[in-house]
């Protein structure tokens, strides 16, 4: 599919991934509209969703919707996160299928993989074991969206598929420690500690878990690439870089970008989450796509956005 002449709808324009997709669409001068949780009663109004999709008449829908957050939010509000993401999986994908949208890319999560799956994570490991306990409810809901894509393709013959991104960061994040992704949440906390000249900042966990980090603009670029080039019949596909970093390395790099002069102290009494999550992105590389943004460069751009006044 050539997106130059396509009508595009981005569900979840208020999320990090959705805002990055909208920004990339503007950069490419594509015909894109967004749909938000606020317009759909938190994705609970199937009528509002179907009406919006029907009015947009999209050739392709990108689904970046649903509430997400860090370990703290997942532990405090597992039911809320599950309900938000199940509503997206049911109502957005269901409406798009009923309206015969020819192409849909659903952004799942690396949390869909079993906690103890072999690394790097390959899509044939999905549904082969239990989730990481700290975010099992959220993971189940995101997996439901992935499976819904498979079901729609099987029953209706539409080009629905899921992309599974690695841990995101970028200038479109909300920088709220509860809802922000790992790097952005650390950035907000380190900036605040810098402002008050704190001697030490405590970081959850041991710092030993490792994650692969993907800049939001690279994710958006990958999504548009996949929408144009990927055969949906091949099922879900990973989107990630070729390296992983420890949380301690991430915290130290964010510290340098922010300019915090105190020390980092890791609180091992707090949960780490999965010890390692690294996506096998070889199938995407074979198609000819790779990320363009080095981690430190992306962090500097993210911090510049953080420093701008927000209303």
C-alpha atoms as a PDB file:
ATOM      1  CA  UNK A   1       0.000   0.000   0.000  1.00  0.00           C
ATOM      2  CA  UNK A   2       1.293   3.438  -0.938  1.00  0.00           C
ATOM      3  CA  UNK A   3       0.540   5.787   1.957  1.00  0.00           C
ATOM      4  CA  UNK A   4       1.028   8.943  -0.135  1.00  0.00           C
ATOM      5  CA  UNK A   5      -2.547   8.803  -1.352  1.00  0.00           C
ATOM      6  CA  UNK A   6      -4.016   6.837   1.579  1.00  0.00           C
ATOM      7  CA  UNK A   7      -6.431   8.047   4.250  1.00  0.00           C
ATOM      8  CA  UNK A   8      -4.897   7.311   7.660  1.00  0.00           C
ATOM      9  CA  UNK A   9      -6.527   7.141  11.083  1.00  0.00           C
ATOM     10  CA  UNK A  10      -4.423   7.026  14.262  1.00  0.00           C
ATOM     11  CA  UNK A  11      -6.327   5.676  17.272  1.00  0.00           C
ATOM     12  CA  UNK A  12      -4.660   6.883  20.459  1.00  0.00           C
ATOM     13  CA  UNK A  13      -3.211  10.204  19.350  1.00  0.00           C
ATOM     14  CA  UNK A  14      -2.703  11.115  23.019  1.00  0.00           C
ATOM     15  CA  UNK A  15      -0.184   8.309  23.695  1.00  0.00           C
ATOM     16  CA  UNK A  16       3.570   8.443  23.105  1.00  0.00           C
ATOM     17  CA  UNK A  17       3.347   6.127  20.094  1.00  0.00           C
ATOM     18  CA  UNK A  18       0.217   7.784  18.713  1.00  0.00           C
ATOM     19  CA  UNK A  19       1.649  11.298  19.003  1.00  0.00           C
ATOM     20  CA  UNK A  20       4.833  10.125  17.283  1.00  0.00           C
ATOM     21  CA  UNK A  21       2.789   8.602  14.456  1.00  0.00           C
ATOM     22  CA  UNK A  22       0.829  11.850  14.050  1.00  0.00           C
ATOM     23  CA  UNK A  23       4.036  13.903  14.004  1.00  0.00           C
ATOM     24  CA  UNK A  24       5.585  11.614  11.393  1.00  0.00           C
ATOM     25  CA  UNK A  25       2.440  11.802   9.265  1.00  0.00           C
ATOM     26  CA  UNK A  26       2.655  15.604   9.346  1.00  0.00           C
ATOM     27  CA  UNK A  27       6.325  15.485   8.421  1.00  0.00           C
ATOM     28  CA  UNK A  28       5.494  13.296   5.426  1.00  0.00           C
ATOM     29  CA  UNK A  29       2.438  15.442   4.554  1.00  0.00           C
ATOM     30  CA  UNK A  30       0.132  12.446   4.712  1.00  0.00           C
ATOM     31  CA  UNK A  31      -3.647  12.658   5.101  1.00  0.00           C
ATOM     32  CA  UNK A  32      -3.994  11.548   8.721  1.00  0.00           C
ATOM     33  CA  UNK A  33      -6.556  12.130  11.451  1.00  0.00           C
ATOM     34  CA  UNK A  34      -6.423  11.095  15.100  1.00  0.00           C
ATOM     35  CA  UNK A  35      -8.946   9.635  17.516  1.00  0.00           C
ATOM     36  CA  UNK A  36      -8.451   9.927  21.275  1.00  0.00           C
ATOM     37  CA  UNK A  37      -9.716   8.353  24.468  1.00  0.00           C
ATOM     38  CA  UNK A  38     -11.458  11.635  25.331  1.00  0.00           C
ATOM     39  CA  UNK A  39     -13.556  11.425  22.167  1.00  0.00           C
ATOM     40  CA  UNK A  40     -14.651   7.853  22.833  1.00  0.00           C
ATOM     41  CA  UNK A  41     -15.413   7.772  26.593  1.00  0.00           C
ATOM     42  CA  UNK A  42     -12.087   6.066  27.262  1.00  0.00           C
ATOM     43  CA  UNK A  43     -12.612   3.697  24.301  1.00  0.00           C
ATOM     44  CA  UNK A  44     -15.816   2.435  25.974  1.00  0.00           C
ATOM     45  CA  UNK A  45     -18.210   3.940  23.407  1.00  0.00           C
ATOM     46  CA  UNK A  46     -18.345   1.493  20.525  1.00  0.00           C
ATOM     47  CA  UNK A  47     -20.888   3.780  18.845  1.00  0.00           C
ATOM     48  CA  UNK A  48     -18.576   6.817  18.935  1.00  0.00           C
ATOM     49  CA  UNK A  49     -15.653   4.737  17.689  1.00  0.00           C
ATOM     50  CA  UNK A  50     -17.570   3.233  14.795  1.00  0.00           C
ATOM     51  CA  UNK A  51     -18.992   6.625  13.855  1.00  0.00           C
ATOM     52  CA  UNK A  52     -15.498   8.214  13.841  1.00  0.00           C
ATOM     53  CA  UNK A  53     -13.967   5.427  11.767  1.00  0.00           C
ATOM     54  CA  UNK A  54     -16.913   5.523   9.365  1.00  0.00           C
ATOM     55  CA  UNK A  55     -16.550   9.280   8.915  1.00  0.00           C
ATOM     56  CA  UNK A  56     -12.785   9.040   8.316  1.00  0.00           C
ATOM     57  CA  UNK A  57     -13.150   6.181   5.791  1.00  0.00           C
ATOM     58  CA  UNK A  58      -9.509   5.183   6.385  1.00  0.00           C
ATOM     59  CA  UNK A  59      -7.446   2.987   4.127  1.00  0.00           C
ATOM     60  CA  UNK A  60      -5.232   2.163   7.098  1.00  0.00           C
ATOM     61  CA  UNK A  61      -5.686   2.428  10.865  1.00  0.00           C
ATOM     62  CA  UNK A  62      -2.806   2.583  13.339  1.00  0.00           C
ATOM     63  CA  UNK A  63      -3.897   1.524  16.837  1.00  0.00           C
ATOM     64  CA  UNK A  64      -1.672   3.061  19.511  1.00  0.00           C
ATOM     65  CA  UNK A  65      -4.426   3.430  22.115  1.00  0.00           C
ATOM     66  CA  UNK A  66      -4.869   2.195  25.669  1.00  0.00           C
ATOM     67  CA  UNK A  67      -3.481   3.225  29.040  1.00  0.00           C
ATOM     68  CA  UNK A  68       0.006   2.075  30.009  1.00  0.00           C
ATOM     69  CA  UNK A  69       2.544   2.805  32.729  1.00  0.00           C
ATOM     70  CA  UNK A  70       5.436   1.563  34.800  1.00  0.00           C
ATOM     71  CA  UNK A  71       5.645  -1.182  37.405  1.00  0.00           C
ATOM     72  CA  UNK A  72       4.096   1.029  40.088  1.00  0.00           C
ATOM     73  CA  UNK A  73       0.975   1.771  38.032  1.00  0.00           C
ATOM     74  CA  UNK A  74       0.666  -1.866  36.966  1.00  0.00           C
ATOM     75  CA  UNK A  75       0.777  -3.018  40.585  1.00  0.00           C
ATOM     76  CA  UNK A  76      -1.675  -0.375  41.808  1.00  0.00           C
ATOM     77  CA  UNK A  77      -4.219  -0.492  38.963  1.00  0.00           C
ATOM     78  CA  UNK A  78      -4.054  -3.807  37.071  1.00  0.00           C
ATOM     79  CA  UNK A  79      -7.824  -3.911  36.492  1.00  0.00           C
ATOM     80  CA  UNK A  80      -7.896  -0.360  35.114  1.00  0.00           C
ATOM     81  CA  UNK A  81      -5.070  -1.091  32.677  1.00  0.00           C
ATOM     82  CA  UNK A  82      -6.666  -4.352  31.583  1.00  0.00           C
ATOM     83  CA  UNK A  83     -10.061  -2.729  31.030  1.00  0.00           C
ATOM     84  CA  UNK A  84      -8.627   0.191  29.039  1.00  0.00           C
ATOM     85  CA  UNK A  85      -6.697  -2.049  26.677  1.00  0.00           C
ATOM     86  CA  UNK A  86      -9.439  -4.651  26.328  1.00  0.00           C
ATOM     87  CA  UNK A  87     -11.846  -1.888  25.288  1.00  0.00           C
ATOM     88  CA  UNK A  88      -9.401  -0.867  22.564  1.00  0.00           C
ATOM     89  CA  UNK A  89      -8.944  -4.455  21.393  1.00  0.00           C
ATOM     90  CA  UNK A  90     -12.693  -5.070  21.268  1.00  0.00           C
ATOM     91  CA  UNK A  91     -14.143  -1.754  20.156  1.00  0.00           C
ATOM     92  CA  UNK A  92     -11.520  -0.252  17.832  1.00  0.00           C
ATOM     93  CA  UNK A  93     -10.551  -3.448  16.049  1.00  0.00           C
ATOM     94  CA  UNK A  94     -14.161  -4.623  15.993  1.00  0.00           C
ATOM     95  CA  UNK A  95     -15.432  -1.416  14.405  1.00  0.00           C
ATOM     96  CA  UNK A  96     -12.605  -1.401  11.859  1.00  0.00           C
ATOM     97  CA  UNK A  97     -13.460  -4.986  10.901  1.00  0.00           C
ATOM     98  CA  UNK A  98     -17.200  -4.264  10.554  1.00  0.00           C
ATOM     99  CA  UNK A  99     -16.400  -1.252   8.365  1.00  0.00           C
ATOM    100  CA  UNK A 100     -14.032  -3.352   6.228  1.00  0.00           C
ATOM    101  CA  UNK A 101     -10.942  -1.218   6.780  1.00  0.00           C
ATOM    102  CA  UNK A 102      -8.441  -2.920   4.467  1.00  0.00           C
ATOM    103  CA  UNK A 103      -5.301  -2.415   6.576  1.00  0.00           C
ATOM    104  CA  UNK A 104      -4.772  -2.112  10.338  1.00  0.00           C
ATOM    105  CA  UNK A 105      -1.569  -2.114  12.391  1.00  0.00           C
ATOM    106  CA  UNK A 106      -2.087  -2.754  16.107  1.00  0.00           C
ATOM    107  CA  UNK A 107       0.750  -1.825  18.461  1.00  0.00           C
ATOM    108  CA  UNK A 108       1.028  -4.626  20.976  1.00  0.00           C
ATOM    109  CA  UNK A 109       3.707  -4.762  23.700  1.00  0.00           C
ATOM    110  CA  UNK A 110       6.821  -6.761  24.500  1.00  0.00           C
ATOM    111  CA  UNK A 111       4.951  -7.586  27.740  1.00  0.00           C
ATOM    112  CA  UNK A 112       2.949 -10.044  25.620  1.00  0.00           C
ATOM    113  CA  UNK A 113       5.896 -12.429  25.718  1.00  0.00           C
ATOM    114  CA  UNK A 114       6.234 -15.018  28.487  1.00  0.00           C
ATOM    115  CA  UNK A 115       8.547 -13.958  31.294  1.00  0.00           C
ATOM    116  CA  UNK A 116      10.892 -16.892  30.724  1.00  0.00           C
ATOM    117  CA  UNK A 117      10.840 -17.027  26.915  1.00  0.00           C
ATOM    118  CA  UNK A 118      14.180 -17.562  25.185  1.00  0.00           C
ATOM    119  CA  UNK A 119      16.069 -14.371  24.333  1.00  0.00           C
ATOM    120  CA  UNK A 120      16.029 -12.574  22.007  1.00  0.00           C
ATOM    121  CA  UNK A 121      12.246 -12.781  21.928  1.00  0.00           C
ATOM    122  CA  UNK A 122      10.789 -14.347  18.793  1.00  0.00           C
ATOM    123  CA  UNK A 123       7.128 -14.250  17.851  1.00  0.00           C
ATOM    124  CA  UNK A 124       6.887 -18.049  17.939  1.00  0.00           C
ATOM    125  CA  UNK A 125       7.366 -17.760  21.727  1.00  0.00           C
ATOM    126  CA  UNK A 126       4.045 -15.965  22.176  1.00  0.00           C
ATOM    127  CA  UNK A 127       1.547 -17.869  24.354  1.00  0.00           C
ATOM    128  CA  UNK A 128       4.098 -20.517  25.382  1.00  0.00           C
ATOM    129  CA  UNK A 129       4.291 -19.589  29.078  1.00  0.00           C
ATOM    130  CA  UNK A 130       3.110 -17.274  31.881  1.00  0.00           C
ATOM    131  CA  UNK A 131       3.498 -13.500  31.810  1.00  0.00           C
ATOM    132  CA  UNK A 132       5.777 -11.423  34.018  1.00  0.00           C
ATOM    133  CA  UNK A 133       3.647 -11.178  37.215  1.00  0.00           C
ATOM    134  CA  UNK A 134       4.129  -7.429  37.756  1.00  0.00           C
ATOM    135  CA  UNK A 135       2.171  -6.571  34.594  1.00  0.00           C
ATOM    136  CA  UNK A 136       0.191  -9.730  33.798  1.00  0.00           C
ATOM    137  CA  UNK A 137      -3.201  -7.983  33.501  1.00  0.00           C
ATOM    138  CA  UNK A 138      -1.922  -5.362  31.047  1.00  0.00           C
ATOM    139  CA  UNK A 139      -0.053  -8.058  29.123  1.00  0.00           C
ATOM    140  CA  UNK A 140      -3.156 -10.210  28.741  1.00  0.00           C
ATOM    141  CA  UNK A 141      -5.129  -7.293  27.333  1.00  0.00           C
ATOM    142  CA  UNK A 142      -2.420  -6.380  24.825  1.00  0.00           C
ATOM    143  CA  UNK A 143      -2.160 -10.016  23.784  1.00  0.00           C
ATOM    144  CA  UNK A 144      -5.924 -10.022  23.222  1.00  0.00           C
ATOM    145  CA  UNK A 145      -5.473  -7.232  20.676  1.00  0.00           C
ATOM    146  CA  UNK A 146      -2.769  -9.190  18.906  1.00  0.00           C
ATOM    147  CA  UNK A 147      -4.968 -12.295  18.775  1.00  0.00           C
ATOM    148  CA  UNK A 148      -7.928 -10.194  17.591  1.00  0.00           C
ATOM    149  CA  UNK A 149      -5.867  -9.144  14.568  1.00  0.00           C
ATOM    150  CA  UNK A 150      -5.230 -12.799  13.754  1.00  0.00           C
ATOM    151  CA  UNK A 151      -8.925 -13.616  14.161  1.00  0.00           C
ATOM    152  CA  UNK A 152     -10.096 -10.744  11.929  1.00  0.00           C
ATOM    153  CA  UNK A 153      -7.654 -11.736   9.225  1.00  0.00           C
ATOM    154  CA  UNK A 154      -8.830 -15.349   9.401  1.00  0.00           C
ATOM    155  CA  UNK A 155     -12.568 -14.590   9.472  1.00  0.00           C
ATOM    156  CA  UNK A 156     -12.822 -11.474   7.320  1.00  0.00           C
ATOM    157  CA  UNK A 157      -9.720 -11.611   5.112  1.00  0.00           C
ATOM    158  CA  UNK A 158      -8.624  -8.094   6.094  1.00  0.00           C
ATOM    159  CA  UNK A 159      -5.005  -6.990   6.418  1.00  0.00           C
ATOM    160  CA  UNK A 160      -4.885  -6.677  10.222  1.00  0.00           C
ATOM    161  CA  UNK A 161      -1.609  -7.421  12.019  1.00  0.00           C
ATOM    162  CA  UNK A 162       0.294  -6.527  15.181  1.00  0.00           C
ATOM    163  CA  UNK A 163       3.689  -4.912  15.587  1.00  0.00           C
ATOM    164  CA  UNK A 164       5.472  -5.445  18.904  1.00  0.00           C
ATOM    165  CA  UNK A 165       7.740  -2.517  19.807  1.00  0.00           C
ATOM    166  CA  UNK A 166      10.541  -2.567  22.331  1.00  0.00           C
ATOM    167  CA  UNK A 167      10.621  -0.119  25.253  1.00  0.00           C
ATOM    168  CA  UNK A 168       9.772   3.345  23.932  1.00  0.00           C
ATOM    169  CA  UNK A 169      11.051   6.816  24.748  1.00  0.00           C
ATOM    170  CA  UNK A 170      10.769  10.132  22.973  1.00  0.00           C
ATOM    171  CA  UNK A 171       9.781  13.795  23.049  1.00  0.00           C
ATOM    172  CA  UNK A 172       6.057  12.998  22.788  1.00  0.00           C
ATOM    173  CA  UNK A 173       5.976  11.289  26.201  1.00  0.00           C
ATOM    174  CA  UNK A 174       3.964  12.743  29.074  1.00  0.00           C
ATOM    175  CA  UNK A 175       6.872  12.690  31.580  1.00  0.00           C
ATOM    176  CA  UNK A 176       4.447  11.748  34.353  1.00  0.00           C
ATOM    177  CA  UNK A 177       6.384   9.264  36.542  1.00  0.00           C
ATOM    178  CA  UNK A 178       3.262   7.038  36.790  1.00  0.00           C
ATOM    179  CA  UNK A 179       2.483   6.914  33.062  1.00  0.00           C
ATOM    180  CA  UNK A 180       5.825   7.709  31.424  1.00  0.00           C
ATOM    181  CA  UNK A 181       7.998   5.022  29.937  1.00  0.00           C
ATOM    182  CA  UNK A 182      11.211   4.064  31.756  1.00  0.00           C
ATOM    183  CA  UNK A 183      13.644   6.593  30.308  1.00  0.00           C
ATOM    184  CA  UNK A 184      11.188   9.497  30.300  1.00  0.00           C
ATOM    185  CA  UNK A 185      10.074   8.823  33.866  1.00  0.00           C
ATOM    186  CA  UNK A 186      13.693   8.758  35.016  1.00  0.00           C
ATOM    187  CA  UNK A 187      14.309  11.986  33.127  1.00  0.00           C
ATOM    188  CA  UNK A 188      11.499  13.795  34.943  1.00  0.00           C
ATOM    189  CA  UNK A 189      12.674  12.566  38.341  1.00  0.00           C
ATOM    190  CA  UNK A 190      16.337  13.410  37.646  1.00  0.00           C
ATOM    191  CA  UNK A 191      15.421  16.891  36.446  1.00  0.00           C
ATOM    192  CA  UNK A 192      13.428  17.510  39.629  1.00  0.00           C
ATOM    193  CA  UNK A 193      16.333  16.210  41.735  1.00  0.00           C
ATOM    194  CA  UNK A 194      18.707  18.500  39.833  1.00  0.00           C
ATOM    195  CA  UNK A 195      16.463  21.505  40.493  1.00  0.00           C
ATOM    196  CA  UNK A 196      16.516  20.923  44.248  1.00  0.00           C
ATOM    197  CA  UNK A 197      20.201  19.925  44.241  1.00  0.00           C
ATOM    198  CA  UNK A 198      19.482  16.540  45.812  1.00  0.00           C
ATOM    199  CA  UNK A 199      22.604  14.558  46.709  1.00  0.00           C
ATOM    200  CA  UNK A 200      21.015  11.194  45.824  1.00  0.00           C
ATOM    201  CA  UNK A 201      18.200   9.885  43.653  1.00  0.00           C
ATOM    202  CA  UNK A 202      16.681   6.476  44.394  1.00  0.00           C
ATOM    203  CA  UNK A 203      15.874   4.237  41.422  1.00  0.00           C
ATOM    204  CA  UNK A 204      13.517   1.267  41.685  1.00  0.00           C
ATOM    205  CA  UNK A 205      15.124  -2.179  41.562  1.00  0.00           C
ATOM    206  CA  UNK A 206      18.662  -3.443  41.286  1.00  0.00           C
ATOM    207  CA  UNK A 207      19.453  -1.755  37.968  1.00  0.00           C
ATOM    208  CA  UNK A 208      20.366  -5.150  36.504  1.00  0.00           C
ATOM    209  CA  UNK A 209      17.371  -5.829  34.212  1.00  0.00           C
ATOM    210  CA  UNK A 210      18.085  -5.201  30.551  1.00  0.00           C
ATOM    211  CA  UNK A 211      15.795  -3.689  27.928  1.00  0.00           C
ATOM    212  CA  UNK A 212      16.108  -2.612  24.301  1.00  0.00           C
ATOM    213  CA  UNK A 213      15.047   1.007  23.751  1.00  0.00           C
ATOM    214  CA  UNK A 214      13.405   2.431  20.649  1.00  0.00           C
ATOM    215  CA  UNK A 215      13.089   6.139  19.887  1.00  0.00           C
ATOM    216  CA  UNK A 216       9.509   7.187  19.160  1.00  0.00           C
ATOM    217  CA  UNK A 217      10.314   8.656  15.727  1.00  0.00           C
ATOM    218  CA  UNK A 218      11.985   5.385  14.726  1.00  0.00           C
ATOM    219  CA  UNK A 219       8.881   3.488  15.819  1.00  0.00           C
ATOM    220  CA  UNK A 220       6.675   5.753  13.706  1.00  0.00           C
ATOM    221  CA  UNK A 221       8.973   5.314  10.720  1.00  0.00           C
ATOM    222  CA  UNK A 222       8.844   1.530  11.170  1.00  0.00           C
ATOM    223  CA  UNK A 223       5.047   1.563  11.363  1.00  0.00           C
ATOM    224  CA  UNK A 224       4.708   3.464   8.096  1.00  0.00           C
ATOM    225  CA  UNK A 225       7.275   1.142   6.517  1.00  0.00           C
ATOM    226  CA  UNK A 226       5.316  -1.915   7.643  1.00  0.00           C
ATOM    227  CA  UNK A 227       1.992  -0.474   6.511  1.00  0.00           C
ATOM    228  CA  UNK A 228       3.445  -0.116   3.024  1.00  0.00           C
ATOM    229  CA  UNK A 229       5.541  -3.279   2.803  1.00  0.00           C
ATOM    230  CA  UNK A 230       4.525  -6.004   5.253  1.00  0.00           C
ATOM    231  CA  UNK A 231       2.436  -9.048   4.371  1.00  0.00           C
ATOM    232  CA  UNK A 232      -0.107  -9.172   7.207  1.00  0.00           C
ATOM    233  CA  UNK A 233      -0.554 -12.914   6.675  1.00  0.00           C
ATOM    234  CA  UNK A 234       2.867 -13.432   8.262  1.00  0.00           C
ATOM    235  CA  UNK A 235       1.412 -12.438  11.633  1.00  0.00           C
ATOM    236  CA  UNK A 236       2.957 -10.250  14.342  1.00  0.00           C
ATOM    237  CA  UNK A 237       6.400  -8.708  13.884  1.00  0.00           C
ATOM    238  CA  UNK A 238       8.889  -7.218  16.341  1.00  0.00           C
ATOM    239  CA  UNK A 239      10.138  -3.635  16.054  1.00  0.00           C
ATOM    240  CA  UNK A 240      13.345  -2.904  17.939  1.00  0.00           C
ATOM    241  CA  UNK A 241      17.041  -2.034  17.862  1.00  0.00           C
ATOM    242  CA  UNK A 242      19.953  -4.491  17.866  1.00  0.00           C
ATOM    243  CA  UNK A 243      21.206  -3.916  21.412  1.00  0.00           C
ATOM    244  CA  UNK A 244      19.923  -3.912  24.971  1.00  0.00           C
ATOM    245  CA  UNK A 245      20.962  -1.786  27.949  1.00  0.00           C
ATOM    246  CA  UNK A 246      20.800  -2.356  31.678  1.00  0.00           C
ATOM    247  CA  UNK A 247      18.509  -0.076  33.666  1.00  0.00           C
ATOM    248  CA  UNK A 248      21.641   1.106  35.485  1.00  0.00           C
ATOM    249  CA  UNK A 249      23.214   2.110  32.150  1.00  0.00           C
ATOM    250  CA  UNK A 250      20.004   3.859  31.126  1.00  0.00           C
ATOM    251  CA  UNK A 251      19.816   5.766  34.411  1.00  0.00           C
ATOM    252  CA  UNK A 252      23.440   6.842  34.118  1.00  0.00           C
ATOM    253  CA  UNK A 253      22.979   8.057  30.528  1.00  0.00           C
ATOM    254  CA  UNK A 254      19.818   9.985  31.455  1.00  0.00           C
ATOM    255  CA  UNK A 255      21.694  11.451  34.424  1.00  0.00           C
ATOM    256  CA  UNK A 256      24.420  12.759  32.095  1.00  0.00           C
ATOM    257  CA  UNK A 257      21.909  14.221  29.623  1.00  0.00           C
ATOM    258  CA  UNK A 258      19.989  15.978  32.399  1.00  0.00           C
ATOM    259  CA  UNK A 259      23.139  17.149  34.167  1.00  0.00           C
ATOM    260  CA  UNK A 260      22.247  15.764  37.601  1.00  0.00           C
ATOM    261  CA  UNK A 261      25.380  15.904  39.762  1.00  0.00           C
ATOM    262  CA  UNK A 262      24.230  13.675  42.610  1.00  0.00           C
ATOM    263  CA  UNK A 263      24.488   9.907  42.980  1.00  0.00           C
ATOM    264  CA  UNK A 264      22.134   7.165  41.871  1.00  0.00           C
ATOM    265  CA  UNK A 265      21.045   4.680  44.502  1.00  0.00           C
ATOM    266  CA  UNK A 266      19.277   1.477  43.437  1.00  0.00           C
ATOM    267  CA  UNK A 267      16.547   0.234  45.765  1.00  0.00           C
ATOM    268  CA  UNK A 268      16.635  -3.564  45.608  1.00  0.00           C
ATOM    269  CA  UNK A 269      13.540  -3.782  47.816  1.00  0.00           C
ATOM    270  CA  UNK A 270      11.479  -2.631  44.815  1.00  0.00           C
ATOM    271  CA  UNK A 271      10.600  -5.066  41.986  1.00  0.00           C
ATOM    272  CA  UNK A 272      12.759  -5.342  38.895  1.00  0.00           C
ATOM    273  CA  UNK A 273      10.230  -6.777  36.483  1.00  0.00           C
ATOM    274  CA  UNK A 274      11.475  -9.223  33.856  1.00  0.00           C
ATOM    275  CA  UNK A 275      15.265  -9.695  34.022  1.00  0.00           C
ATOM    276  CA  UNK A 276      15.723  -9.321  30.259  1.00  0.00           C
ATOM    277  CA  UNK A 277      13.552  -8.261  27.342  1.00  0.00           C
ATOM    278  CA  UNK A 278      15.190  -8.017  23.950  1.00  0.00           C
ATOM    279  CA  UNK A 279      13.214  -8.417  20.762  1.00  0.00           C
ATOM    280  CA  UNK A 280      14.453 -10.406  17.797  1.00  0.00           C
ATOM    281  CA  UNK A 281      14.111  -7.824  15.031  1.00  0.00           C
ATOM    282  CA  UNK A 282      15.792  -9.961  12.336  1.00  0.00           C
ATOM    283  CA  UNK A 283      12.574 -10.355  10.261  1.00  0.00           C
ATOM    284  CA  UNK A 284      12.204  -6.570  10.096  1.00  0.00           C
ATOM    285  CA  UNK A 285      15.880  -6.165   9.172  1.00  0.00           C
ATOM    286  CA  UNK A 286      15.380  -8.701   6.378  1.00  0.00           C
ATOM    287  CA  UNK A 287      12.680  -6.418   4.958  1.00  0.00           C
ATOM    288  CA  UNK A 288      15.197  -3.560   4.875  1.00  0.00           C
ATOM    289  CA  UNK A 289      14.305  -1.418   7.911  1.00  0.00           C
ATOM    290  CA  UNK A 290      16.530  -0.418  10.830  1.00  0.00           C
ATOM    291  CA  UNK A 291      16.380   2.388  13.436  1.00  0.00           C
ATOM    292  CA  UNK A 292      18.350   5.585  12.825  1.00  0.00           C
ATOM    293  CA  UNK A 293      18.602   7.189  16.293  1.00  0.00           C
ATOM    294  CA  UNK A 294      21.360   6.445  18.805  1.00  0.00           C
ATOM    295  CA  UNK A 295      20.070   6.176  22.380  1.00  0.00           C
ATOM    296  CA  UNK A 296      21.950   9.191  23.760  1.00  0.00           C
ATOM    297  CA  UNK A 297      20.928  11.337  20.782  1.00  0.00           C
ATOM    298  CA  UNK A 298      17.290  10.416  21.281  1.00  0.00           C
ATOM    299  CA  UNK A 299      17.551  11.222  24.985  1.00  0.00           C
ATOM    300  CA  UNK A 300      18.957  14.671  24.230  1.00  0.00           C
ATOM    301  CA  UNK A 301      16.060  15.396  21.883  1.00  0.00           C
ATOM    302  CA  UNK A 302      13.625  14.083  24.483  1.00  0.00           C
ATOM    303  CA  UNK A 303      15.113  16.276  27.215  1.00  0.00           C
ATOM    304  CA  UNK A 304      14.922  19.336  24.962  1.00  0.00           C
ATOM    305  CA  UNK A 305      11.200  18.645  24.554  1.00  0.00           C
ATOM    306  CA  UNK A 306      10.820  18.139  28.306  1.00  0.00           C
ATOM    307  CA  UNK A 307      12.305  21.567  28.978  1.00  0.00           C
ATOM    308  CA  UNK A 308       9.788  23.347  26.742  1.00  0.00           C
ATOM    309  CA  UNK A 309       6.765  24.863  28.540  1.00  0.00           C
ATOM    310  CA  UNK A 310       3.775  22.520  28.607  1.00  0.00           C
ATOM    311  CA  UNK A 311       0.190  23.720  28.875  1.00  0.00           C
END
